[in-house]
C-alpha atoms as a PDB file:
ATOM      1  CA  MET A   1       0.000   0.000   0.000  1.00  0.00           C
ATOM      2  CA  GLU A   2       1.505   3.228  -1.114  1.00  0.00           C
ATOM      3  CA  GLN A   3       1.461   6.207   1.185  1.00  0.00           C
ATOM      4  CA  ASP A   4       0.935   9.646  -0.209  1.00  0.00           C
ATOM      5  CA  VAL A   5       3.771  11.993   0.658  1.00  0.00           C
ATOM      6  CA  GLU A   6       2.971  15.686   0.721  1.00  0.00           C
ATOM      7  CA  SER A   7       5.494  17.593  -1.373  1.00  0.00           C
ATOM      8  CA  PRO A   8       6.935  20.740   0.171  1.00  0.00           C
ATOM      9  CA  ALA A   9       5.519  24.002  -1.091  1.00  0.00           C
ATOM     10  CA  ALA A  10       7.732  25.687  -3.657  1.00  0.00           C
ATOM     11  CA  VAL A  11       8.989  29.100  -2.673  1.00  0.00           C
ATOM     12  CA  ARG A  12       8.228  31.559  -5.407  1.00  0.00           C
ATOM     13  CA  LYS A  13      10.063  34.827  -5.797  1.00  0.00           C
ATOM     14  CA  PRO A  14       7.878  37.891  -6.069  1.00  0.00           C
ATOM     15  CA  LYS A  15       7.345  38.954  -9.638  1.00  0.00           C
ATOM     16  CA  LEU A  16       8.712  42.407 -10.254  1.00  0.00           C
ATOM     17  CA  PRO A  17       7.423  44.800 -12.858  1.00  0.00           C
ATOM     18  CA  LYS A  18       9.207  44.764 -16.197  1.00  0.00           C
ATOM     19  CA  GLN A  19      10.735  48.224 -15.703  1.00  0.00           C
ATOM     20  CA  ALA A  20      12.040  47.274 -12.242  1.00  0.00           C
ATOM     21  CA  ARG A  21      13.587  44.067 -13.637  1.00  0.00           C
ATOM     22  CA  GLU A  22      15.343  46.061 -16.359  1.00  0.00           C
ATOM     23  CA  ASP A  23      16.604  48.787 -14.000  1.00  0.00           C
ATOM     24  CA  LEU A  24      17.787  46.401 -11.272  1.00  0.00           C
ATOM     25  CA  PRO A  25      21.063  45.355 -12.973  1.00  0.00           C
ATOM     26  CA  LYS A  26      21.894  48.997 -13.670  1.00  0.00           C
ATOM     27  CA  GLN A  27      21.257  49.966 -10.056  1.00  0.00           C
ATOM     28  CA  LEU A  28      23.390  47.097  -8.787  1.00  0.00           C
ATOM     29  CA  ALA A  29      26.174  48.055 -11.172  1.00  0.00           C
ATOM     30  CA  GLU A  30      26.049  51.667  -9.960  1.00  0.00           C
ATOM     31  CA  ILE A  31      26.216  50.499  -6.324  1.00  0.00           C
ATOM     32  CA  ASP A  32      29.225  48.275  -7.052  1.00  0.00           C
ATOM     33  CA  ARG A  33      30.913  51.095  -8.921  1.00  0.00           C
ATOM     34  CA  ALA A  34      30.314  53.517  -6.026  1.00  0.00           C
ATOM     35  CA  LYS A  35      31.847  51.039  -3.586  1.00  0.00           C
ATOM     36  CA  LYS A  36      34.974  50.634  -5.701  1.00  0.00           C
ATOM     37  CA  ILE A  37      35.619  54.357  -6.125  1.00  0.00           C
ATOM     38  CA  GLN A  38      37.435  55.932  -3.206  1.00  0.00           C
ATOM     39  CA  ARG A  39      37.142  59.636  -2.645  1.00  0.00           C
ATOM     40  CA  TYR A  40      40.239  61.827  -2.717  1.00  0.00           C
ATOM     41  CA  VAL A  41      38.644  64.227  -0.212  1.00  0.00           C
ATOM     42  CA  GLN A  42      35.877  63.129   2.133  1.00  0.00           C
ATOM     43  CA  LYS A  43      32.624  65.027   2.552  1.00  0.00           C
ATOM     44  CA  ASP A  44      33.819  66.420   5.878  1.00  0.00           C
ATOM     45  CA  GLY A  45      36.923  67.932   4.232  1.00  0.00           C
ATOM     46  CA  LYS A  46      39.465  65.336   5.369  1.00  0.00           C
ATOM     47  CA  CYS A  47      41.917  64.174   2.721  1.00  0.00           C
ATOM     48  CA  ASN A  48      41.755  60.437   2.165  1.00  0.00           C
ATOM     49  CA  VAL A  49      45.518  60.157   1.682  1.00  0.00           C
ATOM     50  CA  HIS A  50      47.730  58.095   3.970  1.00  0.00           C
ATOM     51  CA  HIS A  51      51.495  58.603   3.910  1.00  0.00           C
ATOM     52  CA  GLY A  52      53.244  55.275   3.938  1.00  0.00           C
ATOM     53  CA  ASN A  53      56.854  54.129   3.669  1.00  0.00           C
ATOM     54  CA  VAL A  54      58.188  57.382   5.135  1.00  0.00           C
ATOM     55  CA  ARG A  55      61.818  56.654   5.940  1.00  0.00           C
ATOM     56  CA  GLU A  56      62.973  60.077   7.105  1.00  0.00           C
ATOM     57  CA  THR A  57      60.746  60.159  10.171  1.00  0.00           C
ATOM     58  CA  TYR A  58      63.249  62.363  11.986  1.00  0.00           C
ATOM     59  CA  ARG A  59      61.919  65.312  10.012  1.00  0.00           C
ATOM     60  CA  TYR A  60      58.793  65.274  12.186  1.00  0.00           C
ATOM     61  CA  LEU A  61      60.967  65.873  15.246  1.00  0.00           C
ATOM     62  CA  THR A  62      62.757  68.851  13.695  1.00  0.00           C
ATOM     63  CA  ASP A  63      59.419  70.694  13.830  1.00  0.00           C
ATOM     64  CA  ILE A  64      58.218  69.255  17.114  1.00  0.00           C
ATOM     65  CA  PHE A  65      55.783  72.109  17.781  1.00  0.00           C
ATOM     66  CA  THR A  66      53.777  71.489  14.594  1.00  0.00           C
ATOM     67  CA  THR A  67      53.958  67.750  15.196  1.00  0.00           C
ATOM     68  CA  LEU A  68      52.376  68.169  18.644  1.00  0.00           C
ATOM     69  CA  VAL A  69      49.690  70.484  17.308  1.00  0.00           C
ATOM     70  CA  ASP A  70      48.768  67.990  14.554  1.00  0.00           C
ATOM     71  CA  LEU A  71      48.415  65.101  16.991  1.00  0.00           C
ATOM     72  CA  LYS A  72      45.021  63.912  18.139  1.00  0.00           C
ATOM     73  CA  TRP A  73      43.678  65.274  21.396  1.00  0.00           C
ATOM     74  CA  ARG A  74      44.200  62.085  23.388  1.00  0.00           C
ATOM     75  CA  PHE A  75      47.891  61.911  22.439  1.00  0.00           C
ATOM     76  CA  ASN A  76      48.317  65.632  22.985  1.00  0.00           C
ATOM     77  CA  LEU A  77      46.871  65.483  26.487  1.00  0.00           C
ATOM     78  CA  PHE A  78      48.938  62.401  27.300  1.00  0.00           C
ATOM     79  CA  ILE A  79      52.157  64.167  26.256  1.00  0.00           C
ATOM     80  CA  PHE A  80      51.077  67.287  28.170  1.00  0.00           C
ATOM     81  CA  VAL A  81      50.667  65.331  31.425  1.00  0.00           C
ATOM     82  CA  LEU A  82      53.744  63.202  30.767  1.00  0.00           C
ATOM     83  CA  VAL A  83      56.080  66.167  30.242  1.00  0.00           C
ATOM     84  CA  TYR A  84      55.060  67.869  33.474  1.00  0.00           C
ATOM     85  CA  THR A  85      55.169  64.636  35.473  1.00  0.00           C
ATOM     86  CA  VAL A  86      58.637  63.713  34.192  1.00  0.00           C
ATOM     87  CA  THR A  87      59.913  67.232  34.909  1.00  0.00           C
ATOM     88  CA  TRP A  88      58.612  67.203  38.483  1.00  0.00           C
ATOM     89  CA  LEU A  89      59.993  63.718  39.118  1.00  0.00           C
ATOM     90  CA  PHE A  90      63.408  64.602  37.707  1.00  0.00           C
ATOM     91  CA  PHE A  91      63.857  67.741  39.776  1.00  0.00           C
ATOM     92  CA  GLY A  92      62.339  66.010  42.808  1.00  0.00           C
ATOM     93  CA  LEU A  93      65.046  63.363  42.455  1.00  0.00           C
ATOM     94  CA  MET A  94      67.692  66.097  42.205  1.00  0.00           C
ATOM     95  CA  TRP A  95      66.436  67.785  45.398  1.00  0.00           C
ATOM     96  CA  TRP A  96      66.409  64.439  47.200  1.00  0.00           C
ATOM     97  CA  LEU A  97      69.913  63.654  45.915  1.00  0.00           C
ATOM     98  CA  ILE A  98      71.267  66.960  47.236  1.00  0.00           C
ATOM     99  CA  ALA A  99      69.694  66.314  50.634  1.00  0.00           C
ATOM    100  CA  TYR A 100      71.094  62.787  50.677  1.00  0.00           C
ATOM    101  CA  LEU A 101      74.655  63.801  49.731  1.00  0.00           C
ATOM    102  CA  ARG A 102      74.722  66.651  52.258  1.00  0.00           C
ATOM    103  CA  GLY A 103      73.479  64.375  55.032  1.00  0.00           C
ATOM    104  CA  ASP A 104      70.249  66.299  55.632  1.00  0.00           C
ATOM    105  CA  LEU A 105      68.270  63.069  55.838  1.00  0.00           C
ATOM    106  CA  ASP A 106      70.432  61.898  58.740  1.00  0.00           C
ATOM    107  CA  HIS A 107      69.840  65.105  60.754  1.00  0.00           C
ATOM    108  CA  ILE A 108      66.084  65.500  60.388  1.00  0.00           C
ATOM    109  CA  ALA A 109      65.487  65.813  64.146  1.00  0.00           C
ATOM    110  CA  ASP A 110      68.679  67.829  64.765  1.00  0.00           C
ATOM    111  CA  GLY A 111      67.722  71.424  65.532  1.00  0.00           C
ATOM    112  CA  GLN A 112      71.340  72.616  65.233  1.00  0.00           C
ATOM    113  CA  TRP A 113      71.680  71.338  61.644  1.00  0.00           C
ATOM    114  CA  THR A 114      70.989  73.717  58.736  1.00  0.00           C
ATOM    115  CA  PRO A 115      69.609  71.659  55.830  1.00  0.00           C
ATOM    116  CA  CYS A 116      69.479  72.673  52.187  1.00  0.00           C
ATOM    117  CA  VAL A 117      65.674  72.670  52.260  1.00  0.00           C
ATOM    118  CA  ASN A 118      63.790  72.934  55.496  1.00  0.00           C
ATOM    119  CA  ASN A 119      61.297  70.130  56.291  1.00  0.00           C
ATOM    120  CA  LEU A 120      62.550  67.889  53.472  1.00  0.00           C
ATOM    121  CA  ASN A 121      62.627  64.401  54.959  1.00  0.00           C
ATOM    122  CA  GLY A 122      62.354  62.044  51.977  1.00  0.00           C
ATOM    123  CA  PHE A 123      61.662  61.636  48.282  1.00  0.00           C
ATOM    124  CA  VAL A 124      57.957  62.415  48.622  1.00  0.00           C
ATOM    125  CA  SER A 125      58.637  65.761  50.270  1.00  0.00           C
ATOM    126  CA  ALA A 126      61.344  66.441  47.654  1.00  0.00           C
ATOM    127  CA  PHE A 127      58.811  65.714  44.904  1.00  0.00           C
ATOM    128  CA  LEU A 128      56.281  68.077  46.504  1.00  0.00           C
ATOM    129  CA  PHE A 129      58.938  70.778  46.824  1.00  0.00           C
ATOM    130  CA  SER A 130      59.748  70.322  43.128  1.00  0.00           C
ATOM    131  CA  ILE A 131      56.090  70.887  42.228  1.00  0.00           C
ATOM    132  CA  GLU A 132      55.877  73.963  44.476  1.00  0.00           C
ATOM    133  CA  THR A 133      59.042  75.411  42.928  1.00  0.00           C
ATOM    134  CA  GLU A 134      58.092  74.882  39.293  1.00  0.00           C
ATOM    135  CA  THR A 135      54.477  75.968  39.656  1.00  0.00           C
ATOM    136  CA  THR A 136      55.431  78.855  42.031  1.00  0.00           C
ATOM    137  CA  ILE A 137      52.813  77.766  44.578  1.00  0.00           C
ATOM    138  CA  GLY A 138      54.924  78.577  47.619  1.00  0.00           C
ATOM    139  CA  TYR A 139      53.095  77.067  50.615  1.00  0.00           C
ATOM    140  CA  GLY A 140      55.920  78.224  52.890  1.00  0.00           C
ATOM    141  CA  TYR A 141      56.462  74.926  54.728  1.00  0.00           C
ATOM    142  CA  ARG A 142      59.451  73.733  52.684  1.00  0.00           C
ATOM    143  CA  VAL A 143      61.925  76.582  52.089  1.00  0.00           C
ATOM    144  CA  ILE A 144      65.427  76.594  50.664  1.00  0.00           C
ATOM    145  CA  THR A 145      68.145  78.042  52.928  1.00  0.00           C
ATOM    146  CA  ASP A 146      71.057  80.314  52.065  1.00  0.00           C
ATOM    147  CA  LYS A 147      73.629  77.745  53.253  1.00  0.00           C
ATOM    148  CA  CYS A 148      73.187  75.556  50.164  1.00  0.00           C
ATOM    149  CA  PRO A 149      74.830  76.978  46.999  1.00  0.00           C
ATOM    150  CA  GLU A 150      74.124  73.814  44.972  1.00  0.00           C
ATOM    151  CA  GLY A 151      70.455  74.127  45.883  1.00  0.00           C
ATOM    152  CA  ILE A 152      70.407  77.768  44.754  1.00  0.00           C
ATOM    153  CA  VAL A 153      71.872  76.753  41.372  1.00  0.00           C
ATOM    154  CA  LEU A 154      69.300  73.963  41.032  1.00  0.00           C
ATOM    155  CA  LEU A 155      66.535  76.406  41.947  1.00  0.00           C
ATOM    156  CA  LEU A 156      67.623  78.757  39.143  1.00  0.00           C
ATOM    157  CA  VAL A 157      67.846  75.914  36.623  1.00  0.00           C
ATOM    158  CA  GLN A 158      64.421  74.565  37.513  1.00  0.00           C
ATOM    159  CA  SER A 159      62.842  78.016  37.367  1.00  0.00           C
ATOM    160  CA  VAL A 160      64.235  78.689  33.893  1.00  0.00           C
ATOM    161  CA  LEU A 161      63.471  75.237  32.482  1.00  0.00           C
ATOM    162  CA  GLY A 162      60.046  75.277  34.085  1.00  0.00           C
ATOM    163  CA  SER A 163      59.227  78.568  32.356  1.00  0.00           C
ATOM    164  CA  ILE A 164      60.356  77.110  29.011  1.00  0.00           C
ATOM    165  CA  VAL A 165      58.235  73.990  29.502  1.00  0.00           C
ATOM    166  CA  ASN A 166      55.226  76.091  30.472  1.00  0.00           C
ATOM    167  CA  ALA A 167      55.605  78.380  27.462  1.00  0.00           C
ATOM    168  CA  PHE A 168      56.023  75.458  25.072  1.00  0.00           C
ATOM    169  CA  MET A 169      53.221  73.233  26.335  1.00  0.00           C
ATOM    170  CA  VAL A 170      50.696  75.980  27.083  1.00  0.00           C
ATOM    171  CA  GLY A 171      51.440  77.579  23.711  1.00  0.00           C
ATOM    172  CA  CYS A 172      50.905  74.235  21.999  1.00  0.00           C
ATOM    173  CA  MET A 173      47.583  73.707  23.735  1.00  0.00           C
ATOM    174  CA  PHE A 174      46.445  77.263  22.992  1.00  0.00           C
ATOM    175  CA  VAL A 175      47.211  76.912  19.274  1.00  0.00           C
ATOM    176  CA  LYS A 176      45.384  73.585  19.126  1.00  0.00           C
ATOM    177  CA  ILE A 177      42.336  74.937  20.930  1.00  0.00           C
ATOM    178  CA  SER A 178      42.156  78.088  18.821  1.00  0.00           C
ATOM    179  CA  GLN A 179      42.327  76.300  15.473  1.00  0.00           C
ATOM    180  CA  PRO A 180      39.253  77.359  13.452  1.00  0.00           C
ATOM    181  CA  LYS A 181      38.497  73.867  12.142  1.00  0.00           C
ATOM    182  CA  LYS A 182      35.055  73.756  13.733  1.00  0.00           C
ATOM    183  CA  ARG A 183      34.182  77.094  12.151  1.00  0.00           C
ATOM    184  CA  ALA A 184      34.319  75.386   8.776  1.00  0.00           C
ATOM    185  CA  GLU A 185      31.537  73.020   9.861  1.00  0.00           C
ATOM    186  CA  THR A 186      28.985  75.788   9.312  1.00  0.00           C
ATOM    187  CA  LEU A 187      30.180  76.416   5.748  1.00  0.00           C
ATOM    188  CA  VAL A 188      28.028  74.134   3.620  1.00  0.00           C
ATOM    189  CA  PHE A 189      28.004  73.200  -0.046  1.00  0.00           C
ATOM    190  CA  SER A 190      25.094  71.956  -2.096  1.00  0.00           C
ATOM    191  CA  THR A 191      24.695  68.189  -2.178  1.00  0.00           C
ATOM    192  CA  ASN A 192      24.759  68.021  -5.973  1.00  0.00           C
ATOM    193  CA  ALA A 193      26.330  70.074  -8.720  1.00  0.00           C
ATOM    194  CA  VAL A 194      24.355  70.669 -11.909  1.00  0.00           C
ATOM    195  CA  ILE A 195      25.252  71.344 -15.538  1.00  0.00           C
ATOM    196  CA  SER A 196      22.782  73.548 -17.363  1.00  0.00           C
ATOM    197  CA  MET A 197      22.484  76.605 -19.565  1.00  0.00           C
ATOM    198  CA  ARG A 198      22.915  80.009 -17.951  1.00  0.00           C
ATOM    199  CA  ASP A 199      22.904  83.246 -19.955  1.00  0.00           C
ATOM    200  CA  GLY A 200      23.347  81.220 -23.120  1.00  0.00           C
ATOM    201  CA  ARG A 201      26.418  79.369 -21.806  1.00  0.00           C
ATOM    202  CA  LEU A 202      26.816  75.799 -20.652  1.00  0.00           C
ATOM    203  CA  CYS A 203      27.872  75.989 -17.001  1.00  0.00           C
ATOM    204  CA  LEU A 204      28.708  73.769 -14.059  1.00  0.00           C
ATOM    205  CA  MET A 205      27.055  75.243 -10.967  1.00  0.00           C
ATOM    206  CA  PHE A 206      26.857  74.571  -7.256  1.00  0.00           C
ATOM    207  CA  ARG A 207      25.874  76.580  -4.177  1.00  0.00           C
ATOM    208  CA  VAL A 208      27.742  77.542  -1.025  1.00  0.00           C
ATOM    209  CA  GLY A 209      26.446  79.200   2.124  1.00  0.00           C
ATOM    210  CA  ASP A 210      27.365  80.174   5.672  1.00  0.00           C
ATOM    211  CA  LEU A 211      25.068  79.221   8.557  1.00  0.00           C
ATOM    212  CA  ARG A 212      26.510  81.675  11.090  1.00  0.00           C
ATOM    213  CA  ASN A 213      25.744  85.353  11.517  1.00  0.00           C
ATOM    214  CA  SER A 214      29.440  86.203  11.863  1.00  0.00           C
ATOM    215  CA  HIS A 215      30.866  86.625   8.393  1.00  0.00           C
ATOM    216  CA  ILE A 216      33.899  85.145   6.686  1.00  0.00           C
ATOM    217  CA  VAL A 217      36.157  88.051   5.720  1.00  0.00           C
ATOM    218  CA  GLU A 218      38.104  87.979   2.433  1.00  0.00           C
ATOM    219  CA  ALA A 219      36.418  84.742   1.394  1.00  0.00           C
ATOM    220  CA  SER A 220      37.729  83.208  -1.820  1.00  0.00           C
ATOM    221  CA  ILE A 221      36.881  79.986  -3.608  1.00  0.00           C
ATOM    222  CA  ARG A 222      38.731  77.756  -6.037  1.00  0.00           C
ATOM    223  CA  ALA A 223      38.117  74.335  -7.507  1.00  0.00           C
ATOM    224  CA  LYS A 224      40.262  71.442  -8.676  1.00  0.00           C
ATOM    225  CA  LEU A 225      39.502  68.514 -10.957  1.00  0.00           C
ATOM    226  CA  ILE A 226      41.127  65.314  -9.657  1.00  0.00           C
ATOM    227  CA  LYS A 227      41.502  62.855 -12.501  1.00  0.00           C
ATOM    228  CA  SER A 228      44.165  60.451 -13.681  1.00  0.00           C
ATOM    229  CA  LYS A 229      45.635  61.224 -17.105  1.00  0.00           C
ATOM    230  CA  GLN A 230      48.096  59.847 -19.585  1.00  0.00           C
ATOM    231  CA  THR A 231      50.491  62.145 -21.407  1.00  0.00           C
ATOM    232  CA  LYS A 232      51.322  61.994 -25.095  1.00  0.00           C
ATOM    233  CA  GLU A 233      54.594  60.299 -24.200  1.00  0.00           C
ATOM    234  CA  GLY A 234      52.704  57.492 -22.470  1.00  0.00           C
ATOM    235  CA  GLU A 235      53.359  58.596 -18.890  1.00  0.00           C
ATOM    236  CA  PHE A 236      50.512  57.802 -16.507  1.00  0.00           C
ATOM    237  CA  ILE A 237      49.854  60.515 -13.883  1.00  0.00           C
ATOM    238  CA  PRO A 238      47.512  59.352 -11.115  1.00  0.00           C
ATOM    239  CA  LEU A 239      45.341  61.928  -9.337  1.00  0.00           C
ATOM    240  CA  ASN A 240      46.325  64.744 -11.657  1.00  0.00           C
ATOM    241  CA  GLN A 241      45.039  68.154 -10.488  1.00  0.00           C
ATOM    242  CA  THR A 242      43.574  70.600 -12.991  1.00  0.00           C
ATOM    243  CA  ASP A 243      42.304  74.074 -12.173  1.00  0.00           C
ATOM    244  CA  ILE A 244      38.626  74.793 -12.694  1.00  0.00           C
ATOM    245  CA  ASN A 245      38.008  78.455 -13.379  1.00  0.00           C
ATOM    246  CA  VAL A 246      35.244  79.709 -11.077  1.00  0.00           C
ATOM    247  CA  GLY A 247      35.685  83.396 -11.841  1.00  0.00           C
ATOM    248  CA  TYR A 248      39.380  84.089 -11.310  1.00  0.00           C
ATOM    249  CA  ASN A 249      39.580  86.370 -14.363  1.00  0.00           C
ATOM    250  CA  THR A 250      36.465  88.344 -13.483  1.00  0.00           C
ATOM    251  CA  GLY A 251      36.891  88.427  -9.695  1.00  0.00           C
ATOM    252  CA  ASP A 252      33.830  86.275  -9.059  1.00  0.00           C
ATOM    253  CA  ASP A 253      35.973  83.948  -6.949  1.00  0.00           C
ATOM    254  CA  ARG A 254      36.008  86.675  -4.240  1.00  0.00           C
ATOM    255  CA  LEU A 255      32.852  86.116  -2.217  1.00  0.00           C
ATOM    256  CA  PHE A 256      30.755  88.299   0.045  1.00  0.00           C
ATOM    257  CA  LEU A 257      29.260  85.333   1.844  1.00  0.00           C
ATOM    258  CA  VAL A 258      26.230  86.851   3.560  1.00  0.00           C
ATOM    259  CA  SER A 259      23.629  84.733   1.779  1.00  0.00           C
ATOM    260  CA  PRO A 260      23.978  81.492  -0.227  1.00  0.00           C
ATOM    261  CA  LEU A 261      25.736  82.056  -3.539  1.00  0.00           C
ATOM    262  CA  ILE A 262      25.797  80.132  -6.805  1.00  0.00           C
ATOM    263  CA  ILE A 263      29.319  79.387  -8.039  1.00  0.00           C
ATOM    264  CA  CYS A 264      29.488  79.045 -11.811  1.00  0.00           C
ATOM    265  CA  HIS A 265      32.106  77.491 -14.091  1.00  0.00           C
ATOM    266  CA  GLU A 266      31.686  78.015 -17.819  1.00  0.00           C
ATOM    267  CA  ILE A 267      32.368  74.908 -19.906  1.00  0.00           C
ATOM    268  CA  ASN A 268      34.283  76.289 -22.887  1.00  0.00           C
ATOM    269  CA  GLN A 269      37.412  75.403 -24.863  1.00  0.00           C
ATOM    270  CA  HIS A 270      39.573  76.090 -21.799  1.00  0.00           C
ATOM    271  CA  SER A 271      37.481  73.925 -19.459  1.00  0.00           C
ATOM    272  CA  PRO A 272      38.676  70.424 -18.510  1.00  0.00           C
ATOM    273  CA  PHE A 273      35.097  69.218 -19.165  1.00  0.00           C
ATOM    274  CA  TRP A 274      35.090  70.406 -22.803  1.00  0.00           C
ATOM    275  CA  GLU A 275      35.974  67.009 -24.275  1.00  0.00           C
ATOM    276  CA  ILE A 276      33.724  64.988 -21.949  1.00  0.00           C
ATOM    277  CA  SER A 277      30.283  64.182 -23.328  1.00  0.00           C
ATOM    278  CA  GLN A 278      27.156  63.631 -21.309  1.00  0.00           C
ATOM    279  CA  ALA A 279      27.298  59.885 -21.930  1.00  0.00           C
ATOM    280  CA  HIS A 280      30.928  59.603 -20.825  1.00  0.00           C
ATOM    281  CA  LEU A 281      30.502  61.869 -17.790  1.00  0.00           C
ATOM    282  CA  ALA A 282      28.707  59.181 -15.767  1.00  0.00           C
ATOM    283  CA  LYS A 283      31.473  56.666 -16.552  1.00  0.00           C
ATOM    284  CA  GLU A 284      34.419  58.949 -15.857  1.00  0.00           C
ATOM    285  CA  GLU A 285      36.343  58.413 -12.632  1.00  0.00           C
ATOM    286  CA  LEU A 286      36.889  61.984 -11.545  1.00  0.00           C
ATOM    287  CA  GLU A 287      36.361  64.150  -8.503  1.00  0.00           C
ATOM    288  CA  ILE A 288      35.792  67.866  -8.079  1.00  0.00           C
ATOM    289  CA  VAL A 289      37.340  69.395  -4.966  1.00  0.00           C
ATOM    290  CA  VAL A 290      36.109  72.852  -3.962  1.00  0.00           C
ATOM    291  CA  ILE A 291      38.220  74.898  -1.536  1.00  0.00           C
ATOM    292  CA  LEU A 292      36.712  77.840   0.333  1.00  0.00           C
ATOM    293  CA  GLU A 293      39.022  79.891   2.524  1.00  0.00           C
ATOM    294  CA  GLY A 294      38.754  83.127   4.442  1.00  0.00           C
ATOM    295  CA  MET A 295      39.329  84.794   7.800  1.00  0.00           C
ATOM    296  CA  VAL A 296      36.978  84.323  10.732  1.00  0.00           C
ATOM    297  CA  GLU A 297      35.541  87.677  11.713  1.00  0.00           C
ATOM    298  CA  ALA A 298      35.545  86.922  15.443  1.00  0.00           C
ATOM    299  CA  THR A 299      39.160  85.681  15.741  1.00  0.00           C
ATOM    300  CA  GLY A 300      40.902  86.916  12.595  1.00  0.00           C
ATOM    301  CA  GLN A 301      42.245  83.422  11.873  1.00  0.00           C
ATOM    302  CA  LEU A 302      42.236  81.730   8.515  1.00  0.00           C
ATOM    303  CA  THR A 303      39.725  78.920   8.039  1.00  0.00           C
ATOM    304  CA  LEU A 304      39.571  76.382   5.235  1.00  0.00           C
ATOM    305  CA  ARG A 305      36.672  74.259   3.976  1.00  0.00           C
ATOM    306  CA  ASN A 306      36.865  71.494   1.353  1.00  0.00           C
END
């Protein structure tokens, strides 16, 4: 006797409209193409370029101030704390060493003995005296005496070096804090650029605006076309930069950025887009980088927005 076996139900894919089925491969191809293309400059203005195989790393130390300013905040704060801590520990060790060599630690309870530093009875008190000396706190409990010439010399050295360390580290932190990078966050560009006719000319246009009430003084704008090219001699130049004229000859690149403005580039015989057709434009691997720079009205510092 045969037993009927119920066949599993076949899973059917939903039937898409004809237009959706035809457009789906194109959309997938565009998504794959967008994933493969890496931007030269990110939307937030950061350059997507990483320097590798740099052998002469000592050049970063020759300009140590700029190197510290360019570091991230967590590394900058770590170095800030580390420098002060090492300085206090070093001079604290020197004060303890002077007290140890002079025998001050062996005559702590001797009222007839004149130590180099009063009330210095160990490394901890020497470390605290080093902090008080360099930061000029002056609690008055630990005081250097006039019977210790080596201590007077060390006091002068620590005062001078402490002033240099303060000037260097505080200056570094002040420059990093006062950088107008965040001011550029309120300078916005249009999401898309368009190519259309304007006053009888074919133009590439985009908009730029400032969200703050404080103005950008002496604002100027320029644009670059980032595209690989091959010379007539067969040399391949990756990421070649070509100027895009946005009004340099007429002065339109100087902006009075009170309200949003339309930046226009005429596509003529001198334009890098002159030989690119509409059909080839979507297939070209190129990038347009727009650079807006000017002085912040409130601080007078130069800001830059890509």
